[in-house]
N, C-alpha and C. Protein backbone atom coordinates (compact mmCIF):
# COMPACT_ATOMS: atom_id res chain seq x y z
N MET A 1 0.81 -1.19 0.00
CA MET A 1 0.00 0.00 0.00
C MET A 1 0.86 1.25 0.00
N PHE A 2 0.32 2.25 -0.60
CA PHE A 2 1.04 3.52 -0.69
C PHE A 2 0.62 4.40 0.47
N ARG A 3 1.57 4.87 1.22
CA ARG A 3 1.28 5.73 2.37
C ARG A 3 2.04 7.05 2.20
N LEU A 4 1.37 8.11 2.51
CA LEU A 4 2.01 9.42 2.45
C LEU A 4 2.76 9.65 3.75
N SER A 5 3.91 10.16 3.62
CA SER A 5 4.65 10.52 4.82
C SER A 5 4.13 11.84 5.35
N ARG A 6 4.56 12.20 6.51
CA ARG A 6 4.12 13.44 7.14
C ARG A 6 4.55 14.66 6.31
N ILE A 7 5.69 14.63 5.69
CA ILE A 7 6.18 15.74 4.88
C ILE A 7 5.31 15.90 3.63
N ASP A 8 4.93 14.78 2.99
CA ASP A 8 4.07 14.87 1.81
C ASP A 8 2.71 15.45 2.18
N GLY A 9 2.19 15.14 3.33
CA GLY A 9 0.91 15.69 3.78
C GLY A 9 1.00 17.20 3.96
N ARG A 10 2.10 17.67 4.47
CA ARG A 10 2.29 19.12 4.64
C ARG A 10 2.39 19.81 3.28
N ARG A 11 3.05 19.18 2.34
CA ARG A 11 3.16 19.77 1.01
C ARG A 11 1.79 19.87 0.35
N GLN A 12 0.99 18.86 0.55
CA GLN A 12 -0.35 18.90 -0.02
C GLN A 12 -1.18 20.01 0.64
N GLY A 13 -1.00 20.21 1.93
CA GLY A 13 -1.69 21.29 2.62
C GLY A 13 -1.26 22.65 2.11
N VAL A 14 0.01 22.81 1.84
CA VAL A 14 0.52 24.06 1.28
C VAL A 14 -0.03 24.28 -0.12
N ALA A 15 -0.10 23.24 -0.90
CA ALA A 15 -0.65 23.35 -2.25
C ALA A 15 -2.11 23.79 -2.20
N LEU A 16 -2.86 23.25 -1.25
CA LEU A 16 -4.25 23.66 -1.09
C LEU A 16 -4.34 25.13 -0.70
N ASP A 17 -3.47 25.58 0.18
CA ASP A 17 -3.46 26.99 0.56
C ASP A 17 -3.13 27.88 -0.62
N ILE A 18 -2.19 27.47 -1.44
CA ILE A 18 -1.82 28.27 -2.62
C ILE A 18 -2.98 28.35 -3.60
N VAL A 19 -3.63 27.23 -3.85
CA VAL A 19 -4.76 27.21 -4.79
C VAL A 19 -5.89 28.09 -4.26
N LEU A 20 -6.20 27.99 -2.98
CA LEU A 20 -7.27 28.81 -2.41
C LEU A 20 -6.90 30.29 -2.40
N THR A 21 -5.63 30.59 -2.22
CA THR A 21 -5.17 31.98 -2.24
C THR A 21 -5.39 32.61 -3.61
N TYR A 22 -5.22 31.87 -4.66
CA TYR A 22 -5.46 32.39 -6.01
C TYR A 22 -6.93 32.31 -6.40
N LEU A 23 -7.63 31.32 -5.91
CA LEU A 23 -9.02 31.12 -6.30
C LEU A 23 -9.95 32.17 -5.68
N LEU A 24 -9.71 32.55 -4.44
CA LEU A 24 -10.57 33.51 -3.77
C LEU A 24 -10.60 34.88 -4.46
N PRO A 25 -9.47 35.50 -4.78
CA PRO A 25 -9.54 36.80 -5.47
C PRO A 25 -10.18 36.71 -6.85
N ILE A 26 -9.93 35.61 -7.55
CA ILE A 26 -10.55 35.46 -8.86
C ILE A 26 -12.06 35.38 -8.72
N THR A 27 -12.53 34.66 -7.71
CA THR A 27 -13.97 34.55 -7.47
C THR A 27 -14.57 35.91 -7.13
N VAL A 28 -13.89 36.68 -6.32
CA VAL A 28 -14.37 38.02 -5.95
C VAL A 28 -14.42 38.92 -7.18
N ILE A 29 -13.42 38.85 -8.03
CA ILE A 29 -13.40 39.67 -9.25
C ILE A 29 -14.54 39.29 -10.18
N ILE A 30 -14.80 38.01 -10.33
CA ILE A 30 -15.90 37.56 -11.19
C ILE A 30 -17.24 38.02 -10.63
N ALA A 31 -17.42 37.91 -9.31
CA ALA A 31 -18.68 38.37 -8.70
C ALA A 31 -18.86 39.87 -8.88
N ALA A 32 -17.79 40.64 -8.74
CA ALA A 32 -17.87 42.09 -8.94
C ALA A 32 -18.21 42.42 -10.39
N PHE A 33 -17.65 41.67 -11.32
CA PHE A 33 -17.95 41.89 -12.74
C PHE A 33 -19.43 41.65 -13.03
N PHE A 34 -19.97 40.54 -12.54
CA PHE A 34 -21.39 40.26 -12.78
C PHE A 34 -22.29 41.29 -12.11
N SER A 35 -21.89 41.77 -10.95
CA SER A 35 -22.66 42.82 -10.29
C SER A 35 -22.64 44.10 -11.11
N SER A 36 -21.50 44.44 -11.66
CA SER A 36 -21.39 45.64 -12.49
C SER A 36 -22.22 45.52 -13.77
N VAL A 37 -22.19 44.35 -14.37
CA VAL A 37 -22.96 44.12 -15.60
C VAL A 37 -24.46 44.24 -15.31
N THR A 38 -24.89 43.68 -14.18
CA THR A 38 -26.31 43.75 -13.82
C THR A 38 -26.73 45.19 -13.57
N THR A 39 -25.89 45.96 -12.91
CA THR A 39 -26.19 47.37 -12.65
C THR A 39 -26.25 48.15 -13.96
N GLY A 40 -25.32 47.89 -14.87
CA GLY A 40 -25.33 48.57 -16.17
C GLY A 40 -26.55 48.25 -16.99
N LEU A 41 -26.99 46.99 -16.94
CA LEU A 41 -28.19 46.60 -17.68
C LEU A 41 -29.42 47.31 -17.13
N GLY A 42 -29.53 47.39 -15.82
CA GLY A 42 -30.66 48.10 -15.21
C GLY A 42 -30.66 49.57 -15.58
N SER A 43 -29.49 50.18 -15.59
CA SER A 43 -29.37 51.59 -15.97
C SER A 43 -29.78 51.80 -17.42
N ALA A 44 -29.36 50.90 -18.30
CA ALA A 44 -29.72 51.02 -19.71
C ALA A 44 -31.23 50.88 -19.92
N LYS A 45 -31.86 49.98 -19.18
CA LYS A 45 -33.31 49.82 -19.29
C LYS A 45 -34.03 51.06 -18.80
N ASN A 46 -33.55 51.66 -17.71
CA ASN A 46 -34.16 52.88 -17.20
C ASN A 46 -34.02 54.03 -18.21
N ASP A 47 -32.87 54.14 -18.83
CA ASP A 47 -32.67 55.17 -19.84
C ASP A 47 -33.61 54.96 -21.03
N ALA A 48 -33.77 53.71 -21.45
CA ALA A 48 -34.66 53.42 -22.57
C ALA A 48 -36.11 53.77 -22.22
N ASN A 49 -36.52 53.48 -20.99
CA ASN A 49 -37.88 53.82 -20.57
C ASN A 49 -38.06 55.33 -20.50
N GLY A 50 -37.03 56.05 -20.07
CA GLY A 50 -37.12 57.51 -20.03
C GLY A 50 -37.24 58.11 -21.42
N VAL A 51 -36.51 57.57 -22.38
CA VAL A 51 -36.59 58.05 -23.76
C VAL A 51 -37.98 57.78 -24.33
N SER A 52 -38.50 56.61 -24.04
CA SER A 52 -39.83 56.26 -24.53
C SER A 52 -40.90 57.19 -23.96
N ALA A 53 -40.81 57.48 -22.67
CA ALA A 53 -41.77 58.40 -22.04
C ALA A 53 -41.65 59.79 -22.63
N ARG A 54 -40.42 60.22 -22.87
CA ARG A 54 -40.21 61.55 -23.45
C ARG A 54 -40.82 61.63 -24.86
N GLN A 55 -40.63 60.58 -25.65
CA GLN A 55 -41.18 60.57 -27.01
C GLN A 55 -42.71 60.60 -26.97
N LEU A 56 -43.30 59.86 -26.04
CA LEU A 56 -44.76 59.86 -25.95
C LEU A 56 -45.29 61.24 -25.53
N SER A 57 -44.60 61.89 -24.60
CA SER A 57 -45.06 63.21 -24.18
C SER A 57 -44.88 64.23 -25.31
N ASP A 58 -43.77 64.13 -26.03
CA ASP A 58 -43.57 65.04 -27.17
C ASP A 58 -44.62 64.81 -28.25
N SER A 59 -45.01 63.57 -28.46
CA SER A 59 -46.04 63.28 -29.47
C SER A 59 -47.37 63.92 -29.09
N ALA A 60 -47.73 63.84 -27.82
CA ALA A 60 -49.00 64.44 -27.38
C ALA A 60 -48.96 65.95 -27.53
N VAL A 61 -47.86 66.58 -27.15
CA VAL A 61 -47.74 68.03 -27.26
C VAL A 61 -47.78 68.46 -28.73
N ASN A 62 -47.07 67.74 -29.59
CA ASN A 62 -47.06 68.09 -31.01
C ASN A 62 -48.42 67.87 -31.65
N LEU A 63 -49.16 66.89 -31.21
CA LEU A 63 -50.51 66.66 -31.73
C LEU A 63 -51.42 67.84 -31.39
N VAL A 64 -51.35 68.30 -30.16
CA VAL A 64 -52.17 69.44 -29.75
C VAL A 64 -51.75 70.70 -30.50
N LYS A 65 -50.44 70.92 -30.65
CA LYS A 65 -49.97 72.09 -31.41
C LYS A 65 -50.47 72.03 -32.84
N GLY A 66 -50.39 70.87 -33.45
CA GLY A 66 -50.86 70.73 -34.82
C GLY A 66 -52.34 70.98 -34.95
N ASN A 67 -53.13 70.47 -34.02
CA ASN A 67 -54.58 70.69 -34.06
C ASN A 67 -54.93 72.16 -33.89
N ILE A 68 -54.26 72.83 -32.98
CA ILE A 68 -54.53 74.26 -32.79
C ILE A 68 -54.08 75.05 -34.00
N GLY A 69 -52.91 74.71 -34.55
CA GLY A 69 -52.43 75.42 -35.74
C GLY A 69 -53.36 75.22 -36.93
N THR A 70 -53.84 74.00 -37.10
CA THR A 70 -54.77 73.73 -38.20
C THR A 70 -56.09 74.46 -38.01
N ALA A 71 -56.60 74.47 -36.79
CA ALA A 71 -57.89 75.12 -36.52
C ALA A 71 -57.81 76.63 -36.67
N THR A 72 -56.68 77.22 -36.33
CA THR A 72 -56.58 78.68 -36.42
C THR A 72 -56.18 79.16 -37.80
N SER A 73 -55.59 78.31 -38.62
CA SER A 73 -55.14 78.77 -39.92
C SER A 73 -56.15 78.50 -41.04
N THR A 74 -57.07 77.60 -40.84
CA THR A 74 -58.01 77.29 -41.92
C THR A 74 -59.15 78.28 -42.01
N GLY A 75 -59.37 79.06 -40.97
CA GLY A 75 -60.43 80.06 -41.02
C GLY A 75 -61.81 79.44 -40.89
N GLY A 76 -61.88 78.30 -40.29
CA GLY A 76 -63.17 77.65 -40.12
C GLY A 76 -64.05 78.31 -39.09
N GLY A 77 -63.49 79.16 -38.26
CA GLY A 77 -64.29 79.88 -37.29
C GLY A 77 -64.52 79.11 -36.00
N ASN A 78 -63.87 77.96 -35.81
CA ASN A 78 -64.09 77.19 -34.59
C ASN A 78 -63.21 77.64 -33.44
N VAL A 79 -62.03 78.16 -33.75
CA VAL A 79 -61.07 78.54 -32.71
C VAL A 79 -60.59 79.95 -32.99
N CYS A 80 -60.50 80.74 -31.93
CA CYS A 80 -59.99 82.10 -32.03
C CYS A 80 -58.76 82.20 -31.15
N ALA A 81 -57.61 82.53 -31.72
CA ALA A 81 -56.38 82.69 -30.95
C ALA A 81 -56.17 84.17 -30.72
N SER A 82 -56.67 84.70 -29.59
CA SER A 82 -56.59 86.13 -29.34
C SER A 82 -55.29 86.53 -28.65
N GLN A 83 -54.69 85.62 -27.89
CA GLN A 83 -53.45 85.91 -27.19
C GLN A 83 -52.55 84.67 -27.32
N PRO A 84 -51.24 84.86 -27.21
CA PRO A 84 -50.36 83.69 -27.22
C PRO A 84 -50.66 82.79 -26.02
N GLY A 85 -50.99 81.57 -26.30
CA GLY A 85 -51.28 80.63 -25.24
C GLY A 85 -52.75 80.59 -24.84
N MET A 86 -53.56 81.47 -25.38
CA MET A 86 -54.99 81.46 -25.03
C MET A 86 -55.80 81.19 -26.29
N HIS A 87 -56.58 80.16 -26.26
CA HIS A 87 -57.40 79.77 -27.40
C HIS A 87 -58.85 79.65 -26.94
N ARG A 88 -59.73 80.27 -27.65
CA ARG A 88 -61.16 80.20 -27.31
C ARG A 88 -61.86 79.37 -28.36
N PHE A 89 -62.62 78.44 -27.88
CA PHE A 89 -63.37 77.58 -28.80
C PHE A 89 -64.80 78.09 -28.88
N ARG A 90 -65.30 78.23 -30.10
CA ARG A 90 -66.66 78.75 -30.29
C ARG A 90 -67.62 77.63 -30.53
C-alpha cells in the first residue's frame, strides 16, 4: 500500500493553501464583474424607458400644437387665438 509521509501531507496542505489563495480573489473579481454588468443593464433599461416616455409626451404636445395650428389657420371659425397661449373655442 502507498502511504504518504508526514512531509508529503504538509506539502499537499501548502498546495491547497496556494490554490485557495489564487481562487478567492478570482472569485471576488468575477462576482464584482457580474454585479457591475447587472447594474449597467438596469441603468440602460431605465434610460430606454425615459426616452420612450419623453417621445410619448412630445407626441402628445405636437398633436395638440398641430390641431390648434390647423384650426386657427383654416379660417373655419371654430377657434380664435386672441393671445399667445390662449385659445377660445366657439
